[in-house]
C-alpha atoms as a PDB file:
ATOM      1  CA  MET A   1      10.217  15.153  15.087  1.00  0.00           C
ATOM      2  CA  PHE A   2       6.543  14.366  14.640  1.00  0.00           C
ATOM      3  CA  VAL A   3       6.719  15.822  11.139  1.00  0.00           C
ATOM      4  CA  VAL A   4       9.500  13.382  10.244  1.00  0.00           C
ATOM      5  CA  ALA A   5       7.411  10.462  11.532  1.00  0.00           C
ATOM      6  CA  VAL A   6       4.435  11.599   9.455  1.00  0.00           C
ATOM      7  CA  LEU A   7       6.582  12.043   6.336  1.00  0.00           C
ATOM      8  CA  VAL A   8       8.158   8.602   6.734  1.00  0.00           C
ATOM      9  CA  GLY A   9       4.666   7.179   7.248  1.00  0.00           C
ATOM     10  CA  ILE A  10       3.460   8.824   4.045  1.00  0.00           C
ATOM     11  CA  VAL A  11       6.374   7.300   2.125  1.00  0.00           C
ATOM     12  CA  VAL A  12       5.680   3.855   3.598  1.00  0.00           C
ATOM     13  CA  GLY A  13       1.963   4.174   2.803  1.00  0.00           C
ATOM     14  CA  ALA A  14       2.649   5.147  -0.789  1.00  0.00           C
ATOM     15  CA  ALA A  15       5.199   2.332  -1.142  1.00  0.00           C
ATOM     16  CA  SER A  16       2.699  -0.182   0.201  1.00  0.00           C
ATOM     17  CA  PHE A  17       0.392   0.684  -2.696  1.00  0.00           C
ATOM     18  CA  ALA A  18       2.884  -0.790  -5.204  1.00  0.00           C
ATOM     19  CA  PRO A  19       1.843  -4.447  -4.619  1.00  0.00           C
ATOM     20  CA  LEU A  20      -1.756  -3.477  -5.360  1.00  0.00           C
ATOM     21  CA  ILE A  21      -0.731  -2.077  -8.741  1.00  0.00           C
ATOM     22  CA  PHE A  22       1.324  -5.222  -9.398  1.00  0.00           C
ATOM     23  CA  GLY A  23      -1.668  -7.425  -8.497  1.00  0.00           C
ATOM     24  CA  MET A  24      -3.943  -5.456 -10.798  1.00  0.00           C
ATOM     25  CA  ASN A  25      -1.532  -5.744 -13.703  1.00  0.00           C
ATOM     26  CA  LYS A  26      -1.104  -9.469 -13.041  1.00  0.00           C
ATOM     27  CA  ALA A  27      -4.894  -9.914 -12.970  1.00  0.00           C
ATOM     28  CA  ARG A  28      -5.229  -8.208 -16.356  1.00  0.00           C
ATOM     29  CA  MET A  29      -2.724 -10.646 -17.871  1.00  0.00           C
ATOM     30  CA  ALA A  30      -4.320 -13.761 -16.342  1.00  0.00           C
ATOM     31  CA  SER A  31      -5.817 -16.233 -18.738  1.00  0.00           C
ATOM     32  CA  PRO A  32      -9.170 -17.840 -17.950  1.00  0.00           C
ATOM     33  CA  THR A  33      -7.428 -21.133 -17.179  1.00  0.00           C
ATOM     34  CA  SER A  34      -4.632 -19.778 -14.974  1.00  0.00           C
ATOM     35  CA  ASN A  35      -4.208 -21.265 -11.524  1.00  0.00           C
ATOM     36  CA  LEU A  36      -3.935 -17.951  -9.718  1.00  0.00           C
ATOM     37  CA  GLY A  37      -6.795 -16.299 -11.582  1.00  0.00           C
ATOM     38  CA  HIS A  38      -8.017 -12.745 -11.452  1.00  0.00           C
ATOM     39  CA  ALA A  39      -9.173 -12.609  -7.850  1.00  0.00           C
ATOM     40  CA  GLY A  40      -6.136 -14.512  -6.590  1.00  0.00           C
ATOM     41  CA  SER A  41      -3.754 -11.953  -8.047  1.00  0.00           C
ATOM     42  CA  LEU A  42      -5.695  -9.078  -6.549  1.00  0.00           C
ATOM     43  CA  LEU A  43      -5.946 -10.722  -3.138  1.00  0.00           C
ATOM     44  CA  LEU A  44      -2.235 -11.531  -3.184  1.00  0.00           C
ATOM     45  CA  GLY A  45      -1.518  -7.853  -3.862  1.00  0.00           C
ATOM     46  CA  VAL A  46      -3.742  -6.829  -0.938  1.00  0.00           C
ATOM     47  CA  LEU A  47      -2.057  -9.362   1.342  1.00  0.00           C
ATOM     48  CA  ILE A  48       1.445  -8.197   0.454  1.00  0.00           C
ATOM     49  CA  SER A  49       0.394  -4.571   0.901  1.00  0.00           C
ATOM     50  CA  LEU A  50      -1.006  -5.281   4.361  1.00  0.00           C
ATOM     51  CA  VAL A  51       2.108  -7.244   5.321  1.00  0.00           C
ATOM     52  CA  ILE A  52       4.319  -4.315   4.328  1.00  0.00           C
ATOM     53  CA  LEU A  53       2.206  -1.934   6.394  1.00  0.00           C
ATOM     54  CA  ALA A  54       2.078  -4.274   9.393  1.00  0.00           C
ATOM     55  CA  VAL A  55       5.831  -4.907   9.409  1.00  0.00           C
ATOM     56  CA  CYS A  56       6.587  -1.190   9.211  1.00  0.00           C
ATOM     57  CA  VAL A  57       4.107  -0.352  11.972  1.00  0.00           C
ATOM     58  CA  VAL A  58       5.478  -3.058  14.265  1.00  0.00           C
ATOM     59  CA  ALA A  59       9.023  -1.862  13.564  1.00  0.00           C
ATOM     60  CA  CYS A  60       8.006   1.699  14.408  1.00  0.00           C
ATOM     61  CA  VAL A  61       6.359   0.604  17.655  1.00  0.00           C
ATOM     62  CA  MET A  62       9.419  -1.422  18.634  1.00  0.00           C
ATOM     63  CA  LEU A  63      11.956   1.278  17.729  1.00  0.00           C
ATOM     64  CA  ALA A  64      10.160   4.543  18.513  1.00  0.00           C
ATOM     65  CA  ARG A  65       6.952   4.047  20.464  1.00  0.00           C
ATOM     66  CA  ASP A  66       6.474   7.800  20.949  1.00  0.00           C
ATOM     67  CA  PHE A  67       6.112   8.336  17.198  1.00  0.00           C
ATOM     68  CA  ALA A  68       3.853   5.362  16.439  1.00  0.00           C
ATOM     69  CA  VAL A  69       0.578   7.305  16.164  1.00  0.00           C
ATOM     70  CA  PRO A  70       1.862   9.978  13.745  1.00  0.00           C
ATOM     71  CA  PHE A  71       3.622   7.270  11.720  1.00  0.00           C
ATOM     72  CA  VAL A  72       0.473   5.144  11.440  1.00  0.00           C
ATOM     73  CA  LEU A  73      -1.679   8.134  10.525  1.00  0.00           C
ATOM     74  CA  GLY A  74       0.875   9.164   7.898  1.00  0.00           C
ATOM     75  CA  ALA A  75       1.027   5.628   6.499  1.00  0.00           C
ATOM     76  CA  ALA A  76      -2.758   5.392   6.265  1.00  0.00           C
ATOM     77  CA  GLY A  77      -2.935   8.824   4.667  1.00  0.00           C
ATOM     78  CA  GLY A  78      -0.164   7.965   2.214  1.00  0.00           C
ATOM     79  CA  LEU A  79      -1.938   4.777   1.160  1.00  0.00           C
ATOM     80  CA  ILE A  80      -5.240   6.607   0.683  1.00  0.00           C
ATOM     81  CA  VAL A  81      -3.642   9.463  -1.264  1.00  0.00           C
ATOM     82  CA  ALA A  82      -1.745   7.014  -3.485  1.00  0.00           C
ATOM     83  CA  ALA A  83      -4.988   5.154  -4.241  1.00  0.00           C
ATOM     84  CA  VAL A  84      -6.879   8.369  -5.017  1.00  0.00           C
ATOM     85  CA  VAL A  85      -4.109   9.694  -7.275  1.00  0.00           C
ATOM     86  CA  PHE A  86      -3.931   6.339  -9.068  1.00  0.00           C
ATOM     87  CA  GLY A  87      -7.699   6.278  -9.601  1.00  0.00           C
ATOM     88  CA  ILE A  88      -7.874   9.856 -10.836  1.00  0.00           C
ATOM     89  CA  ARG A  89      -4.917   9.321 -13.157  1.00  0.00           C
ATOM     90  CA  ASN A  90      -6.500   6.205 -14.648  1.00  0.00           C
ATOM     91  CA  ASN A  91      -9.860   7.922 -15.162  1.00  0.00           C
ATOM     92  CA  LEU A  92      -8.270  10.944 -16.812  1.00  0.00           C
ATOM     93  CA  ARG A  93      -6.279   8.707 -19.157  1.00  0.00           C
ATOM     94  CA  LYS A  94      -9.430   7.068 -20.550  1.00  0.00           C
END
Protein backbone atom coordinates (compact mmCIF):
# COMPACT_ATOMS: atom_id res chain seq x y z
CA MET A 1 0.00 0.00 0.00
CA PHE A 2 2.95 2.30 0.58
CA VAL A 3 3.98 1.80 -3.04
CA VAL A 4 0.57 3.03 -4.20
CA ALA A 5 0.90 6.14 -2.01
CA VAL A 6 4.35 6.85 -3.45
CA LEU A 7 3.12 6.35 -7.03
CA VAL A 8 0.13 8.64 -6.50
CA GLY A 9 2.49 11.19 -4.95
CA ILE A 10 4.77 11.01 -7.98
CA VAL A 11 1.81 11.63 -10.29
CA VAL A 12 0.66 14.59 -8.18
CA GLY A 13 4.19 16.02 -8.09
CA ALA A 14 4.57 15.76 -11.85
CA ALA A 15 1.11 17.28 -12.37
CA SER A 16 1.98 20.19 -10.09
CA PHE A 17 4.84 21.07 -12.45
CA ALA A 18 2.36 21.96 -15.22
CA PRO A 19 1.55 25.46 -13.85
CA LEU A 20 5.27 26.25 -13.84
CA ILE A 21 5.50 25.43 -17.54
CA PHE A 22 2.38 27.52 -18.19
CA GLY A 23 3.89 30.46 -16.26
CA MET A 24 7.12 30.21 -18.22
CA ASN A 25 5.31 30.19 -21.54
CA LYS A 26 3.16 33.14 -20.44
CA ALA A 27 6.29 35.05 -19.39
CA ARG A 28 7.86 34.51 -22.81
CA MET A 29 4.78 36.01 -24.49
CA ALA A 30 4.56 39.03 -22.16
CA SER A 31 5.13 42.40 -23.72
CA PRO A 32 7.25 44.98 -21.91
CA THR A 33 4.12 46.99 -21.09
CA SER A 34 1.93 44.12 -19.86
CA ASN A 35 0.37 44.41 -16.42
CA LEU A 36 1.35 40.95 -15.27
CA GLY A 37 4.89 41.11 -16.62
CA HIS A 38 7.54 38.44 -16.74
CA ALA A 39 8.08 37.92 -13.03
CA GLY A 40 4.36 38.05 -12.27
CA SER A 41 3.63 35.18 -14.63
CA LEU A 42 6.40 33.08 -13.17
CA LEU A 43 5.37 33.80 -9.59
CA LEU A 44 1.75 33.01 -10.40
CA GLY A 45 2.87 29.65 -11.79
CA VAL A 46 4.85 28.94 -8.61
CA LEU A 47 1.88 29.93 -6.44
CA ILE A 48 -0.55 27.69 -8.32
CA SER A 49 1.94 24.82 -8.19
CA LEU A 50 2.33 25.17 -4.43
CA VAL A 51 -1.43 25.40 -3.96
CA ILE A 52 -1.92 22.16 -5.90
CA LEU A 53 0.70 20.42 -3.77
CA ALA A 54 -0.69 21.80 -0.51
CA VAL A 55 -4.28 20.83 -1.30
CA CYS A 56 -3.25 17.30 -2.25
CA VAL A 57 -1.10 16.90 0.87
CA VAL A 58 -3.87 18.16 3.15
CA ALA A 59 -6.35 15.84 1.44
CA CYS A 60 -3.98 12.91 1.95
CA VAL A 61 -3.51 13.75 5.63
CA MET A 62 -7.26 14.06 6.13
CA LEU A 63 -8.15 10.87 4.24
CA ALA A 64 -5.22 8.53 4.92
CA ARG A 65 -2.91 9.80 7.65
CA ASP A 66 -0.88 6.57 7.65
CA PHE A 67 0.24 7.16 4.06
CA ALA A 68 1.01 10.88 4.34
CA VAL A 69 4.81 10.57 4.56
CA PRO A 70 5.24 8.28 1.53
CA PHE A 71 2.78 10.44 -0.42
CA VAL A 72 4.64 13.67 0.40
CA LEU A 73 8.02 12.13 -0.42
CA GLY A 74 6.63 10.82 -3.71
CA ALA A 75 5.12 14.22 -4.55
CA ALA A 76 8.38 16.02 -3.82
CA GLY A 77 10.31 13.46 -5.83
CA GLY A 78 7.86 13.69 -8.72
CA LEU A 79 8.15 17.47 -8.82
CA ILE A 80 11.95 17.32 -8.76
CA VAL A 81 12.12 14.63 -11.44
CA ALA A 82 9.68 16.56 -13.66
CA ALA A 83 11.82 19.70 -13.31
CA VAL A 84 15.04 17.82 -14.09
CA VAL A 85 13.54 16.08 -17.13
CA PHE A 86 12.14 19.40 -18.37
CA GLY A 87 15.52 21.11 -17.96
CA ILE A 88 17.46 18.34 -19.65
CA ARG A 89 14.96 18.17 -22.51
CA ASN A 90 15.19 21.92 -23.08
CA ASN A 91 18.99 21.90 -23.02
CA LEU A 92 19.20 19.00 -25.45
CA ARG A 93 16.79 20.73 -27.84
CA LYS A 94 19.04 23.79 -28.16
